[in-house]
Amino acid sequence: QAVFNFFSSSAPRWALLALGEENTLKVHKTVLKKVCATRWEARHQAIFALKERFNDVLITLTKITLTTTNGDERNVSKSIRSKLDSVEFVLLLCLWERVLRSMQGVSKVLQ
C-alpha cells in the first residue's frame, strides 16, 4: 500500500513510473493498484501489479532518490526502496501472489 500511496500522491512520480526508461508515449499496461481490505480479487490485482512492475518500481524509486530536491520525498523513496530490496519481501511477494491467485479461483467459484 505504501508503494501505491507514494506514487499516486504525485502526478510527476506516477508519470515517471508509467513511462519507465523511455521518454516516449508508450505507457506500461500494468499499473499499480490500491490494496482493498475486503476484496480478495483486488488484493491479488494489487500484488500481481507490484510483482509485474517490481523492477520498474525499484528503478523509479532510485531515480527519485538521486534526483529529487525535496528531502521528505527522498527519505520516503529511500525507505520504500530499502524495504522492497529485502529478500524476505521478494519471497513473500512471490508466495503471496501465488496464494491469492489460487484463492481467486476458489472465490469466483463460490460466487
N, C-alpha and C. Protein backbone atom coordinates (compact mmCIF):
# COMPACT_ATOMS: atom_id res chain seq x y z
N GLN A 1 0.82 -1.19 0.00
CA GLN A 1 0.00 0.00 0.00
C GLN A 1 0.87 1.25 0.00
N ALA A 2 1.99 1.21 0.70
CA ALA A 2 2.89 2.37 0.77
C ALA A 2 3.44 2.73 -0.60
N VAL A 3 3.72 1.72 -1.41
CA VAL A 3 4.23 1.97 -2.77
C VAL A 3 3.17 2.69 -3.59
N PHE A 4 1.94 2.17 -3.56
CA PHE A 4 0.84 2.81 -4.30
C PHE A 4 0.62 4.24 -3.82
N ASN A 5 0.58 4.44 -2.51
CA ASN A 5 0.35 5.78 -1.96
C ASN A 5 1.44 6.75 -2.37
N PHE A 6 2.69 6.30 -2.35
CA PHE A 6 3.81 7.17 -2.71
C PHE A 6 3.70 7.63 -4.16
N PHE A 7 3.43 6.71 -5.07
CA PHE A 7 3.38 7.08 -6.48
C PHE A 7 2.08 7.81 -6.84
N SER A 8 0.96 7.39 -6.27
CA SER A 8 -0.31 8.01 -6.65
C SER A 8 -0.50 9.41 -6.07
N SER A 9 0.27 9.78 -5.06
CA SER A 9 0.12 11.10 -4.46
C SER A 9 0.82 12.20 -5.26
N SER A 10 1.52 11.84 -6.32
CA SER A 10 2.23 12.83 -7.12
C SER A 10 2.15 12.46 -8.60
N ALA A 11 1.59 13.35 -9.40
CA ALA A 11 1.49 13.10 -10.84
C ALA A 11 2.86 12.92 -11.50
N PRO A 12 3.86 13.73 -11.17
CA PRO A 12 5.18 13.51 -11.79
C PRO A 12 5.79 12.14 -11.45
N ARG A 13 5.61 11.69 -10.20
CA ARG A 13 6.13 10.37 -9.83
C ARG A 13 5.37 9.27 -10.58
N TRP A 14 4.05 9.41 -10.68
CA TRP A 14 3.23 8.42 -11.38
C TRP A 14 3.64 8.38 -12.86
N ALA A 15 3.85 9.54 -13.45
CA ALA A 15 4.27 9.60 -14.86
C ALA A 15 5.64 8.98 -15.05
N LEU A 16 6.55 9.23 -14.14
CA LEU A 16 7.89 8.64 -14.23
C LEU A 16 7.81 7.12 -14.19
N LEU A 17 6.96 6.59 -13.34
CA LEU A 17 6.77 5.14 -13.27
C LEU A 17 6.06 4.62 -14.51
N ALA A 18 5.04 5.34 -14.97
CA ALA A 18 4.26 4.88 -16.12
C ALA A 18 5.08 4.86 -17.40
N LEU A 19 5.93 5.85 -17.58
CA LEU A 19 6.71 5.93 -18.82
C LEU A 19 7.97 5.09 -18.76
N GLY A 20 8.47 4.81 -17.59
CA GLY A 20 9.65 3.97 -17.46
C GLY A 20 10.88 4.63 -18.03
N GLU A 21 11.77 3.81 -18.58
CA GLU A 21 13.05 4.29 -19.12
C GLU A 21 12.86 5.17 -20.35
N GLU A 22 11.89 4.81 -21.17
CA GLU A 22 11.71 5.53 -22.43
C GLU A 22 11.04 6.88 -22.17
N ASN A 23 11.38 7.83 -22.98
CA ASN A 23 10.70 9.13 -22.92
C ASN A 23 9.71 9.22 -24.07
N THR A 24 9.08 8.11 -24.38
CA THR A 24 8.10 8.06 -25.46
C THR A 24 6.70 8.09 -24.85
N LEU A 25 5.72 7.97 -25.71
CA LEU A 25 4.35 7.97 -25.23
C LEU A 25 3.86 6.56 -24.88
N LYS A 26 4.75 5.59 -24.93
CA LYS A 26 4.39 4.22 -24.58
C LYS A 26 4.19 4.12 -23.07
N VAL A 27 3.02 3.70 -22.68
CA VAL A 27 2.71 3.57 -21.26
C VAL A 27 2.55 2.08 -20.95
N HIS A 28 3.11 1.65 -19.84
CA HIS A 28 3.01 0.25 -19.45
C HIS A 28 1.56 -0.10 -19.14
N LYS A 29 1.14 -1.29 -19.56
CA LYS A 29 -0.25 -1.69 -19.38
C LYS A 29 -0.59 -2.01 -17.92
N THR A 30 0.33 -2.62 -17.21
CA THR A 30 0.07 -2.97 -15.82
C THR A 30 0.39 -1.78 -14.93
N VAL A 31 -0.62 -1.31 -14.22
CA VAL A 31 -0.42 -0.17 -13.32
C VAL A 31 -0.59 -0.64 -11.87
N LEU A 32 0.02 0.07 -10.96
CA LEU A 32 -0.11 -0.27 -9.55
C LEU A 32 -1.55 -0.06 -9.11
N LYS A 33 -2.01 -0.93 -8.24
CA LYS A 33 -3.39 -0.88 -7.76
C LYS A 33 -3.40 -0.66 -6.25
N LYS A 34 -4.51 -0.11 -5.79
CA LYS A 34 -4.70 0.09 -4.36
C LYS A 34 -5.10 -1.25 -3.72
N VAL A 35 -4.59 -1.52 -2.53
CA VAL A 35 -4.93 -2.75 -1.82
C VAL A 35 -6.29 -2.55 -1.14
N CYS A 36 -7.20 -3.48 -1.40
CA CYS A 36 -8.52 -3.43 -0.78
C CYS A 36 -8.56 -4.43 0.37
N ALA A 37 -9.02 -3.98 1.51
CA ALA A 37 -9.01 -4.83 2.71
C ALA A 37 -10.05 -5.94 2.66
N THR A 38 -11.08 -5.80 1.85
CA THR A 38 -12.17 -6.77 1.87
C THR A 38 -12.26 -7.65 0.63
N ARG A 39 -11.78 -7.20 -0.50
CA ARG A 39 -11.92 -7.98 -1.74
C ARG A 39 -10.62 -8.72 -2.06
N TRP A 40 -10.69 -10.05 -2.07
CA TRP A 40 -9.51 -10.86 -2.34
C TRP A 40 -9.01 -10.67 -3.76
N GLU A 41 -9.93 -10.49 -4.70
CA GLU A 41 -9.52 -10.28 -6.09
C GLU A 41 -8.75 -8.98 -6.24
N ALA A 42 -9.18 -7.95 -5.54
CA ALA A 42 -8.47 -6.66 -5.58
C ALA A 42 -7.09 -6.79 -4.95
N ARG A 43 -6.98 -7.58 -3.90
CA ARG A 43 -5.67 -7.82 -3.29
C ARG A 43 -4.75 -8.51 -4.28
N HIS A 44 -5.29 -9.51 -4.98
CA HIS A 44 -4.48 -10.23 -5.97
C HIS A 44 -4.03 -9.27 -7.07
N GLN A 45 -4.93 -8.42 -7.55
CA GLN A 45 -4.57 -7.47 -8.60
C GLN A 45 -3.46 -6.53 -8.14
N ALA A 46 -3.53 -6.08 -6.90
CA ALA A 46 -2.52 -5.17 -6.37
C ALA A 46 -1.16 -5.86 -6.25
N ILE A 47 -1.16 -7.08 -5.72
CA ILE A 47 0.09 -7.83 -5.56
C ILE A 47 0.66 -8.20 -6.93
N PHE A 48 -0.22 -8.63 -7.85
CA PHE A 48 0.23 -9.01 -9.19
C PHE A 48 0.85 -7.81 -9.91
N ALA A 49 0.22 -6.64 -9.79
CA ALA A 49 0.75 -5.44 -10.44
C ALA A 49 2.12 -5.07 -9.89
N LEU A 50 2.28 -5.16 -8.58
CA LEU A 50 3.58 -4.85 -7.97
C LEU A 50 4.64 -5.87 -8.42
N LYS A 51 4.25 -7.13 -8.49
CA LYS A 51 5.19 -8.17 -8.93
C LYS A 51 5.60 -7.95 -10.38
N GLU A 52 4.64 -7.61 -11.23
CA GLU A 52 4.94 -7.38 -12.65
C GLU A 52 5.81 -6.15 -12.87
N ARG A 53 5.60 -5.12 -12.09
CA ARG A 53 6.32 -3.86 -12.27
C ARG A 53 7.44 -3.67 -11.25
N PHE A 54 7.85 -4.73 -10.57
CA PHE A 54 8.80 -4.64 -9.47
C PHE A 54 10.09 -3.93 -9.88
N ASN A 55 10.70 -4.34 -10.99
CA ASN A 55 11.95 -3.71 -11.43
C ASN A 55 11.74 -2.24 -11.77
N ASP A 56 10.63 -1.93 -12.44
CA ASP A 56 10.33 -0.53 -12.78
C ASP A 56 10.17 0.32 -11.52
N VAL A 57 9.51 -0.25 -10.51
CA VAL A 57 9.32 0.47 -9.25
C VAL A 57 10.67 0.75 -8.59
N LEU A 58 11.54 -0.26 -8.55
CA LEU A 58 12.87 -0.06 -7.94
C LEU A 58 13.68 0.98 -8.70
N ILE A 59 13.67 0.91 -10.02
CA ILE A 59 14.41 1.88 -10.85
C ILE A 59 13.87 3.29 -10.62
N THR A 60 12.55 3.42 -10.60
CA THR A 60 11.94 4.73 -10.41
C THR A 60 12.23 5.29 -9.03
N LEU A 61 12.16 4.44 -8.01
CA LEU A 61 12.49 4.90 -6.65
C LEU A 61 13.94 5.36 -6.56
N THR A 62 14.84 4.65 -7.23
CA THR A 62 16.25 5.05 -7.25
C THR A 62 16.42 6.38 -7.94
N LYS A 63 15.74 6.57 -9.08
CA LYS A 63 15.81 7.86 -9.79
C LYS A 63 15.33 9.00 -8.92
N ILE A 64 14.21 8.76 -8.25
CA ILE A 64 13.65 9.81 -7.38
C ILE A 64 14.62 10.13 -6.25
N THR A 65 15.20 9.10 -5.65
CA THR A 65 16.15 9.30 -4.56
C THR A 65 17.35 10.12 -5.02
N LEU A 66 17.83 9.86 -6.22
CA LEU A 66 19.03 10.53 -6.72
C LEU A 66 18.77 11.92 -7.29
N THR A 67 17.56 12.18 -7.77
CA THR A 67 17.33 13.43 -8.49
C THR A 67 16.46 14.46 -7.77
N THR A 68 15.69 14.03 -6.79
CA THR A 68 14.77 14.98 -6.16
C THR A 68 15.51 15.97 -5.26
N THR A 69 14.95 17.17 -5.19
CA THR A 69 15.50 18.18 -4.29
C THR A 69 14.70 18.25 -2.99
N ASN A 70 13.57 17.55 -2.96
CA ASN A 70 12.72 17.52 -1.78
C ASN A 70 13.24 16.46 -0.81
N GLY A 71 13.65 16.87 0.36
CA GLY A 71 14.23 15.96 1.34
C GLY A 71 13.26 14.89 1.82
N ASP A 72 11.99 15.28 2.06
CA ASP A 72 11.00 14.30 2.51
C ASP A 72 10.76 13.24 1.45
N GLU A 73 10.63 13.68 0.21
CA GLU A 73 10.41 12.75 -0.90
C GLU A 73 11.59 11.78 -1.03
N ARG A 74 12.80 12.30 -0.89
CA ARG A 74 14.00 11.46 -0.96
C ARG A 74 14.00 10.42 0.15
N ASN A 75 13.68 10.84 1.37
CA ASN A 75 13.68 9.92 2.50
C ASN A 75 12.62 8.83 2.36
N VAL A 76 11.43 9.21 1.90
CA VAL A 76 10.36 8.22 1.73
C VAL A 76 10.72 7.23 0.63
N SER A 77 11.23 7.73 -0.49
CA SER A 77 11.60 6.83 -1.58
C SER A 77 12.74 5.90 -1.17
N LYS A 78 13.69 6.42 -0.42
CA LYS A 78 14.81 5.60 0.06
C LYS A 78 14.30 4.52 1.03
N SER A 79 13.37 4.90 1.89
CA SER A 79 12.81 3.96 2.86
C SER A 79 12.03 2.84 2.16
N ILE A 80 11.19 3.21 1.22
CA ILE A 80 10.41 2.21 0.48
C ILE A 80 11.35 1.29 -0.30
N ARG A 81 12.35 1.89 -0.92
CA ARG A 81 13.32 1.09 -1.72
C ARG A 81 14.04 0.08 -0.83
N SER A 82 14.44 0.48 0.35
CA SER A 82 15.16 -0.45 1.24
C SER A 82 14.25 -1.59 1.69
N LYS A 83 12.96 -1.31 1.89
CA LYS A 83 12.02 -2.37 2.27
C LYS A 83 11.81 -3.34 1.11
N LEU A 84 11.69 -2.80 -0.10
CA LEU A 84 11.47 -3.66 -1.28
C LEU A 84 12.71 -4.46 -1.64
N ASP A 85 13.87 -3.97 -1.28
CA ASP A 85 15.13 -4.62 -1.63
C ASP A 85 15.42 -5.89 -0.83
N SER A 86 14.69 -6.11 0.23
CA SER A 86 15.00 -7.26 1.09
C SER A 86 14.55 -8.57 0.44
N VAL A 87 15.31 -9.61 0.70
CA VAL A 87 15.00 -10.94 0.18
C VAL A 87 13.66 -11.42 0.73
N GLU A 88 13.38 -11.10 1.97
CA GLU A 88 12.13 -11.51 2.60
C GLU A 88 10.94 -10.92 1.86
N PHE A 89 11.03 -9.65 1.48
CA PHE A 89 9.92 -9.02 0.78
C PHE A 89 9.68 -9.68 -0.56
N VAL A 90 10.73 -9.92 -1.32
CA VAL A 90 10.60 -10.53 -2.65
C VAL A 90 10.02 -11.94 -2.52
N LEU A 91 10.50 -12.70 -1.56
CA LEU A 91 9.99 -14.05 -1.35
C LEU A 91 8.52 -14.02 -0.98
N LEU A 92 8.15 -13.15 -0.04
CA LEU A 92 6.74 -13.05 0.36
C LEU A 92 5.86 -12.53 -0.76
N LEU A 93 6.38 -11.63 -1.57
CA LEU A 93 5.61 -11.12 -2.70
C LEU A 93 5.26 -12.25 -3.67
N CYS A 94 6.24 -13.06 -4.01
CA CYS A 94 6.01 -14.19 -4.93
C CYS A 94 5.07 -15.22 -4.31
N LEU A 95 5.30 -15.54 -3.05
CA LEU A 95 4.46 -16.53 -2.37
C LEU A 95 3.02 -16.03 -2.22
N TRP A 96 2.86 -14.80 -1.78
CA TRP A 96 1.53 -14.22 -1.56
C TRP A 96 0.76 -14.12 -2.87
N GLU A 97 1.45 -13.80 -3.96
CA GLU A 97 0.77 -13.72 -5.26
C GLU A 97 0.23 -15.08 -5.66
N ARG A 98 1.00 -16.14 -5.44
CA ARG A 98 0.53 -17.49 -5.77
C ARG A 98 -0.66 -17.89 -4.91
N VAL A 99 -0.59 -17.60 -3.63
CA VAL A 99 -1.70 -17.93 -2.73
C VAL A 99 -2.96 -17.19 -3.14
N LEU A 100 -2.83 -15.90 -3.40
CA LEU A 100 -4.00 -15.10 -3.79
C LEU A 100 -4.55 -15.53 -5.14
N ARG A 101 -3.68 -15.95 -6.06
CA ARG A 101 -4.13 -16.44 -7.36
C ARG A 101 -4.99 -17.69 -7.17
N SER A 102 -4.56 -18.59 -6.30
CA SER A 102 -5.34 -19.80 -6.00
C SER A 102 -6.67 -19.45 -5.36
N MET A 103 -6.64 -18.52 -4.42
CA MET A 103 -7.87 -18.12 -3.73
C MET A 103 -8.82 -17.39 -4.67
N GLN A 104 -8.28 -16.72 -5.67
CA GLN A 104 -9.13 -16.00 -6.62
C GLN A 104 -10.02 -16.98 -7.37
N GLY A 105 -9.45 -18.09 -7.79
CA GLY A 105 -10.25 -19.11 -8.49
C GLY A 105 -11.34 -19.68 -7.60
N VAL A 106 -11.01 -19.98 -6.37
CA VAL A 106 -11.98 -20.51 -5.42
C VAL A 106 -13.06 -19.47 -5.14
N SER A 107 -12.67 -18.24 -4.98
CA SER A 107 -13.62 -17.16 -4.71
C SER A 107 -14.63 -17.00 -5.84
N LYS A 108 -14.17 -17.09 -7.07
CA LYS A 108 -15.08 -16.96 -8.22
C LYS A 108 -16.06 -18.12 -8.28
N VAL A 109 -15.59 -19.33 -7.95
CA VAL A 109 -16.48 -20.49 -7.94
C VAL A 109 -17.54 -20.33 -6.87
N LEU A 110 -17.16 -19.83 -5.70
CA LEU A 110 -18.11 -19.66 -4.60
C LEU A 110 -19.13 -18.56 -4.87
N GLN A 111 -18.78 -17.61 -5.69
CA GLN A 111 -19.73 -16.53 -6.00
C GLN A 111 -20.78 -17.06 -6.94
